[in-house]
């Protein structure tokens, strides 16, 4: 039986299981059995039309199934299927300035002096 790795955010829909072993000849068949066993998980993985949601990534032995045969990818008993949902959020992309900031000669000397020598009167 193939081992299916359930990520932490989805374990609440799979009786808190971190792995489930299921038989099947394709990734789609294994995922079908998984979601038949855990009905709540189906809504998290599949759209109402029965398509794997775009933010759900599935890997067979570290290979993204989108670059194999998708859900028709054959599965062996020793294989591991990992479900990896994408995570949204983070900071917005900030554009780099058109021209890098430049420092005058005086600024370079002033800043480099602070990096190399402590200020007068600041010695311990």
N, C-alpha and C. Protein backbone atom coordinates (compact mmCIF):
# COMPACT_ATOMS: atom_id res chain seq x y z
N UNK A 1 0.84 -1.19 0.00
CA UNK A 1 0.00 0.00 0.00
C UNK A 1 0.88 1.24 0.00
N UNK A 2 0.44 2.25 -0.72
CA UNK A 2 1.17 3.52 -0.76
C UNK A 2 0.91 4.29 0.53
N UNK A 3 1.92 5.03 0.95
CA UNK A 3 1.78 5.85 2.16
C UNK A 3 1.46 7.28 1.72
N UNK A 4 0.38 7.85 2.28
CA UNK A 4 -0.02 9.23 1.99
C UNK A 4 0.33 10.09 3.20
N UNK A 5 1.13 11.13 2.98
CA UNK A 5 1.50 12.05 4.06
C UNK A 5 0.47 13.17 4.12
N UNK A 6 -0.13 13.34 5.29
CA UNK A 6 -1.14 14.37 5.50
C UNK A 6 -0.47 15.56 6.19
N UNK A 7 -0.49 16.75 5.58
CA UNK A 7 0.15 17.91 6.22
C UNK A 7 -0.63 18.37 7.45
N UNK A 8 0.06 19.01 8.34
CA UNK A 8 -0.54 19.45 9.61
C UNK A 8 -1.86 20.22 9.44
N UNK A 9 -1.98 21.18 8.53
CA UNK A 9 -3.25 21.92 8.43
C UNK A 9 -4.44 21.05 8.00
N UNK A 10 -4.18 19.91 7.37
CA UNK A 10 -5.27 19.05 6.90
C UNK A 10 -5.56 17.87 7.82
N UNK A 11 -4.76 17.67 8.83
CA UNK A 11 -4.94 16.52 9.72
C UNK A 11 -6.26 16.57 10.48
N UNK A 12 -6.77 17.76 10.72
CA UNK A 12 -8.05 17.87 11.41
C UNK A 12 -9.18 17.23 10.62
N UNK A 13 -9.01 17.09 9.31
CA UNK A 13 -10.02 16.48 8.45
C UNK A 13 -9.76 14.99 8.22
N UNK A 14 -8.68 14.47 8.80
CA UNK A 14 -8.31 13.07 8.63
C UNK A 14 -8.09 12.39 9.98
N UNK A 15 -8.97 12.67 10.92
CA UNK A 15 -8.88 12.08 12.27
C UNK A 15 -7.51 12.26 12.90
N UNK A 16 -6.86 13.39 12.61
CA UNK A 16 -5.57 13.76 13.16
C UNK A 16 -4.44 12.81 12.74
N UNK A 17 -4.63 12.07 11.67
CA UNK A 17 -3.61 11.16 11.15
C UNK A 17 -2.54 11.95 10.41
N UNK A 18 -1.27 11.58 10.59
CA UNK A 18 -0.20 12.22 9.82
C UNK A 18 0.15 11.41 8.57
N UNK A 19 -0.16 10.11 8.61
CA UNK A 19 0.01 9.27 7.43
C UNK A 19 -1.14 8.28 7.36
N UNK A 20 -1.47 7.91 6.12
CA UNK A 20 -2.51 6.90 5.89
C UNK A 20 -1.97 6.00 4.78
N UNK A 21 -2.07 4.69 4.97
CA UNK A 21 -1.65 3.74 3.94
C UNK A 21 -2.87 3.24 3.19
N UNK A 22 -2.83 3.36 1.87
CA UNK A 22 -3.96 2.98 1.04
C UNK A 22 -3.46 2.28 -0.22
N UNK A 23 -4.27 1.38 -0.74
CA UNK A 23 -3.96 0.71 -1.99
C UNK A 23 -4.51 1.52 -3.15
N UNK A 24 -3.96 1.25 -4.32
CA UNK A 24 -4.43 1.91 -5.53
C UNK A 24 -3.37 1.80 -6.60
N UNK A 25 -3.80 1.91 -7.86
CA UNK A 25 -2.84 1.78 -8.96
C UNK A 25 -2.40 3.13 -9.50
N UNK A 26 -3.15 4.21 -9.18
CA UNK A 26 -2.79 5.56 -9.62
C UNK A 26 -2.91 6.52 -8.45
N UNK A 27 -2.29 7.67 -8.60
CA UNK A 27 -2.39 8.71 -7.56
C UNK A 27 -3.87 9.08 -7.36
N UNK A 28 -4.60 9.24 -8.44
CA UNK A 28 -6.02 9.59 -8.35
C UNK A 28 -6.83 8.57 -7.59
N UNK A 29 -6.54 7.29 -7.82
CA UNK A 29 -7.26 6.23 -7.12
C UNK A 29 -6.95 6.26 -5.63
N UNK A 30 -5.69 6.45 -5.28
CA UNK A 30 -5.30 6.52 -3.87
C UNK A 30 -5.96 7.72 -3.20
N UNK A 31 -5.92 8.89 -3.87
CA UNK A 31 -6.55 10.07 -3.29
C UNK A 31 -8.07 9.90 -3.20
N UNK A 32 -8.65 9.19 -4.16
CA UNK A 32 -10.09 8.90 -4.11
C UNK A 32 -10.44 8.06 -2.89
N UNK A 33 -9.63 7.06 -2.61
CA UNK A 33 -9.87 6.23 -1.42
C UNK A 33 -9.66 7.03 -0.14
N UNK A 34 -8.65 7.90 -0.16
CA UNK A 34 -8.40 8.75 1.00
C UNK A 34 -9.60 9.64 1.30
N UNK A 35 -10.11 10.29 0.26
CA UNK A 35 -11.23 11.22 0.48
C UNK A 35 -12.55 10.49 0.69
N UNK A 36 -12.65 9.24 0.29
CA UNK A 36 -13.84 8.44 0.61
C UNK A 36 -13.81 8.07 2.09
N UNK A 37 -12.61 7.83 2.60
CA UNK A 37 -12.45 7.47 4.01
C UNK A 37 -12.63 8.70 4.91
N UNK A 38 -12.19 9.85 4.43
CA UNK A 38 -12.28 11.10 5.19
C UNK A 38 -13.02 12.13 4.35
N UNK A 39 -14.34 12.14 4.46
CA UNK A 39 -15.20 12.97 3.63
C UNK A 39 -14.88 14.46 3.73
N UNK A 40 -14.56 14.94 4.92
CA UNK A 40 -14.25 16.36 5.11
C UNK A 40 -13.00 16.77 4.34
N UNK A 41 -12.09 15.86 4.17
CA UNK A 41 -10.85 16.13 3.45
C UNK A 41 -11.11 16.39 1.97
N UNK A 42 -12.15 15.76 1.43
CA UNK A 42 -12.47 15.93 0.00
C UNK A 42 -12.70 17.39 -0.34
N UNK A 43 -13.44 18.11 0.49
CA UNK A 43 -13.72 19.53 0.22
C UNK A 43 -12.47 20.39 0.25
N UNK A 44 -11.48 19.95 1.00
CA UNK A 44 -10.23 20.70 1.09
C UNK A 44 -9.34 20.46 -0.14
N UNK A 45 -9.42 19.27 -0.71
CA UNK A 45 -8.54 18.91 -1.82
C UNK A 45 -9.15 19.12 -3.20
N UNK A 46 -10.48 18.97 -3.29
CA UNK A 46 -11.14 19.00 -4.60
C UNK A 46 -12.20 20.10 -4.68
N UNK A 47 -12.35 20.64 -5.89
CA UNK A 47 -13.40 21.64 -6.15
C UNK A 47 -14.75 20.93 -6.27
N UNK A 48 -15.83 21.70 -6.37
CA UNK A 48 -17.16 21.12 -6.55
C UNK A 48 -17.26 20.33 -7.85
N UNK A 49 -16.42 20.65 -8.82
CA UNK A 49 -16.41 19.96 -10.10
C UNK A 49 -15.58 18.68 -10.05
N UNK A 50 -14.97 18.39 -8.91
CA UNK A 50 -14.18 17.17 -8.76
C UNK A 50 -12.74 17.30 -9.22
N UNK A 51 -12.29 18.52 -9.45
CA UNK A 51 -10.90 18.75 -9.87
C UNK A 51 -10.04 19.05 -8.64
N UNK A 52 -8.81 18.56 -8.67
CA UNK A 52 -7.87 18.87 -7.60
C UNK A 52 -7.67 20.38 -7.57
N UNK A 53 -7.81 20.98 -6.41
CA UNK A 53 -7.69 22.43 -6.30
C UNK A 53 -6.30 22.89 -6.72
N UNK A 54 -6.24 24.08 -7.32
CA UNK A 54 -4.97 24.58 -7.86
C UNK A 54 -3.92 24.84 -6.79
N UNK A 55 -4.34 25.12 -5.56
CA UNK A 55 -3.38 25.39 -4.50
C UNK A 55 -2.94 24.13 -3.75
N UNK A 56 -3.42 22.97 -4.21
CA UNK A 56 -3.01 21.71 -3.60
C UNK A 56 -1.97 21.06 -4.51
N UNK A 57 -0.78 20.88 -3.98
CA UNK A 57 0.30 20.23 -4.72
C UNK A 57 0.43 18.80 -4.23
N UNK A 58 0.59 17.87 -5.17
CA UNK A 58 0.72 16.46 -4.81
C UNK A 58 2.04 15.95 -5.39
N UNK A 59 2.80 15.28 -4.55
CA UNK A 59 4.10 14.74 -4.95
C UNK A 59 4.10 13.23 -4.78
N UNK A 60 4.66 12.55 -5.76
CA UNK A 60 4.88 11.11 -5.67
C UNK A 60 6.38 10.91 -5.54
N UNK A 61 6.82 10.46 -4.38
CA UNK A 61 8.26 10.27 -4.12
C UNK A 61 9.05 11.53 -4.50
N UNK A 62 8.63 12.68 -4.05
CA UNK A 62 9.30 13.97 -4.27
C UNK A 62 9.19 14.51 -5.70
N UNK A 63 8.37 13.89 -6.54
CA UNK A 63 8.15 14.37 -7.91
C UNK A 63 6.74 14.96 -7.99
N UNK A 64 6.64 16.18 -8.47
CA UNK A 64 5.35 16.84 -8.63
C UNK A 64 4.55 16.11 -9.70
N UNK A 65 3.35 15.64 -9.36
CA UNK A 65 2.57 14.85 -10.32
C UNK A 65 2.14 15.67 -11.54
N UNK A 66 2.17 17.00 -11.44
CA UNK A 66 1.82 17.84 -12.60
C UNK A 66 2.81 17.62 -13.73
N UNK A 67 4.04 17.20 -13.41
CA UNK A 67 5.06 16.97 -14.42
C UNK A 67 5.19 15.49 -14.77
N UNK A 68 4.34 14.68 -14.18
CA UNK A 68 4.29 13.26 -14.52
C UNK A 68 3.01 13.05 -15.33
N UNK A 69 2.12 12.21 -14.85
CA UNK A 69 0.85 11.97 -15.54
C UNK A 69 -0.33 12.46 -14.72
N UNK A 70 -0.07 13.48 -13.90
CA UNK A 70 -1.07 14.06 -13.01
C UNK A 70 -1.70 12.96 -12.16
N UNK A 71 -3.02 12.94 -12.04
CA UNK A 71 -3.66 11.94 -11.19
C UNK A 71 -3.61 10.54 -11.79
N UNK A 72 -3.26 10.43 -13.06
CA UNK A 72 -3.13 9.12 -13.71
C UNK A 72 -1.74 8.51 -13.49
N UNK A 73 -0.89 9.19 -12.71
CA UNK A 73 0.45 8.69 -12.43
C UNK A 73 0.36 7.35 -11.70
N UNK A 74 1.03 6.32 -12.22
CA UNK A 74 1.00 5.00 -11.57
C UNK A 74 1.65 5.03 -10.18
N UNK A 75 1.12 4.21 -9.29
CA UNK A 75 1.62 4.13 -7.91
C UNK A 75 2.03 2.69 -7.61
N UNK A 76 3.17 2.55 -6.96
CA UNK A 76 3.64 1.25 -6.48
C UNK A 76 3.38 1.18 -4.97
N UNK A 77 3.40 -0.03 -4.43
CA UNK A 77 3.13 -0.20 -3.00
C UNK A 77 4.14 0.50 -2.12
N UNK A 78 5.36 0.66 -2.59
CA UNK A 78 6.42 1.27 -1.77
C UNK A 78 6.47 2.79 -1.92
N UNK A 79 5.56 3.38 -2.70
CA UNK A 79 5.59 4.82 -2.97
C UNK A 79 5.02 5.64 -1.82
N UNK A 80 5.44 6.90 -1.79
CA UNK A 80 4.92 7.86 -0.83
C UNK A 80 4.30 9.01 -1.59
N UNK A 81 3.07 9.34 -1.22
CA UNK A 81 2.36 10.47 -1.81
C UNK A 81 2.28 11.56 -0.75
N UNK A 82 2.76 12.74 -1.10
CA UNK A 82 2.73 13.88 -0.17
C UNK A 82 1.75 14.93 -0.69
N UNK A 83 0.86 15.36 0.18
CA UNK A 83 -0.07 16.44 -0.14
C UNK A 83 0.50 17.71 0.47
N UNK A 84 0.70 18.73 -0.36
CA UNK A 84 1.33 19.96 0.11
C UNK A 84 0.46 21.15 -0.33
N UNK A 85 -0.37 21.68 0.59
CA UNK A 85 -1.16 22.86 0.20
C UNK A 85 -0.28 24.10 0.16
N UNK A 86 -0.54 24.96 -0.80
CA UNK A 86 0.19 26.23 -0.87
C UNK A 86 -0.26 27.11 0.28
N UNK A 87 0.64 27.95 0.73
CA UNK A 87 0.32 28.87 1.82
C UNK A 87 0.40 30.28 1.29
N UNK A 88 -0.64 31.04 1.50
CA UNK A 88 -0.68 32.42 1.01
C UNK A 88 -0.19 33.37 2.09
N UNK A 89 0.13 34.57 1.67
CA UNK A 89 0.52 35.59 2.63
C UNK A 89 1.93 36.06 2.36
N UNK A 90 2.45 36.80 3.28
CA UNK A 90 3.80 37.32 3.14
C UNK A 90 3.79 38.80 2.81
N UNK A 91 4.93 39.32 2.60
CA UNK A 91 5.08 40.76 2.32
C UNK A 91 4.95 41.01 0.82
N UNK A 92 4.44 42.17 0.47
CA UNK A 92 4.35 42.48 -0.96
C UNK A 92 5.73 42.68 -1.56
N UNK A 93 5.82 42.46 -2.85
CA UNK A 93 7.09 42.64 -3.54
C UNK A 93 7.35 44.13 -3.69
N UNK A 94 8.52 44.55 -3.31
CA UNK A 94 8.90 45.96 -3.41
C UNK A 94 9.88 46.08 -4.56
N UNK A 95 9.62 47.02 -5.43
CA UNK A 95 10.52 47.22 -6.58
C UNK A 95 11.84 47.82 -6.13
N UNK A 96 12.88 47.37 -6.76
CA UNK A 96 14.20 47.92 -6.48
C UNK A 96 14.26 49.33 -7.06
N UNK A 97 15.01 50.21 -6.44
CA UNK A 97 15.11 51.56 -6.99
C UNK A 97 15.74 51.53 -8.38
N UNK A 98 15.33 52.48 -9.21
CA UNK A 98 15.85 52.53 -10.58
C UNK A 98 17.37 52.68 -10.58
N UNK A 99 17.86 53.47 -9.64
CA UNK A 99 19.29 53.69 -9.54
C UNK A 99 19.71 53.45 -8.10
N UNK A 100 20.80 52.71 -7.89
CA UNK A 100 21.22 52.46 -6.51
C UNK A 100 21.59 53.77 -5.81
N UNK A 101 21.36 53.77 -4.50
CA UNK A 101 21.70 54.95 -3.71
C UNK A 101 23.21 55.15 -3.72
N UNK A 102 23.61 56.40 -3.81
CA UNK A 102 25.04 56.69 -3.79
C UNK A 102 25.35 57.59 -2.60
N UNK A 103 26.53 57.41 -2.07
CA UNK A 103 26.97 58.21 -0.94
C UNK A 103 28.08 59.14 -1.40
N UNK A 104 28.09 60.32 -0.80
CA UNK A 104 29.18 61.25 -1.10
C UNK A 104 30.45 60.74 -0.43
N UNK A 105 31.60 61.31 -0.83
CA UNK A 105 32.87 60.93 -0.22
C UNK A 105 32.87 61.18 1.28
N UNK A 106 32.27 62.31 1.68
CA UNK A 106 32.21 62.66 3.10
C UNK A 106 31.36 61.65 3.87
N UNK A 107 30.24 61.23 3.29
CA UNK A 107 29.38 60.25 3.96
C UNK A 107 30.10 58.91 4.11
N UNK A 108 30.78 58.50 3.08
CA UNK A 108 31.53 57.24 3.14
C UNK A 108 32.56 57.29 4.25
N UNK A 109 33.33 58.39 4.32
CA UNK A 109 34.34 58.52 5.38
C UNK A 109 33.70 58.54 6.76
N UNK A 110 32.59 59.28 6.91
CA UNK A 110 31.92 59.38 8.20
C UNK A 110 31.40 58.01 8.64
N UNK A 111 30.71 57.29 7.76
CA UNK A 111 30.12 56.00 8.12
C UNK A 111 31.19 54.93 8.33
N UNK A 112 32.21 54.92 7.50
CA UNK A 112 33.25 53.91 7.65
C UNK A 112 34.04 54.13 8.93
N UNK A 113 34.24 55.39 9.34
CA UNK A 113 34.95 55.69 10.58
C UNK A 113 34.18 55.11 11.76
N UNK A 114 32.85 55.16 11.74
CA UNK A 114 32.05 54.62 12.84
C UNK A 114 32.12 53.09 12.88
N UNK A 115 32.33 52.50 11.74
CA UNK A 115 32.43 51.04 11.70
C UNK A 115 33.78 50.56 12.18
N UNK A 116 34.81 51.36 11.95
CA UNK A 116 36.16 50.94 12.27
C UNK A 116 36.58 51.40 13.67
N UNK A 117 36.34 52.68 13.99
CA UNK A 117 36.77 53.24 15.28
C UNK A 117 35.57 53.71 16.06
N UNK A 118 35.55 53.45 17.35
CA UNK A 118 34.45 53.99 18.15
C UNK A 118 34.57 55.52 18.25
N UNK A 119 33.49 56.16 18.56
CA UNK A 119 33.48 57.62 18.74
C UNK A 119 34.40 57.99 19.90
N UNK A 120 34.98 59.16 19.85
CA UNK A 120 35.83 59.65 20.90
C UNK A 120 34.99 59.78 22.16
N UNK A 121 35.49 59.30 23.27
CA UNK A 121 34.76 59.39 24.53
C UNK A 121 33.81 58.22 24.74
N UNK A 122 33.75 57.27 23.80
CA UNK A 122 32.83 56.15 23.95
C UNK A 122 33.57 54.88 24.35
N UNK A 123 34.92 55.00 24.58
CA UNK A 123 35.66 53.81 24.98
C UNK A 123 35.22 53.40 26.37
N UNK A 124 35.26 52.06 26.61
CA UNK A 124 34.81 51.51 27.87
C UNK A 124 35.69 51.81 28.96
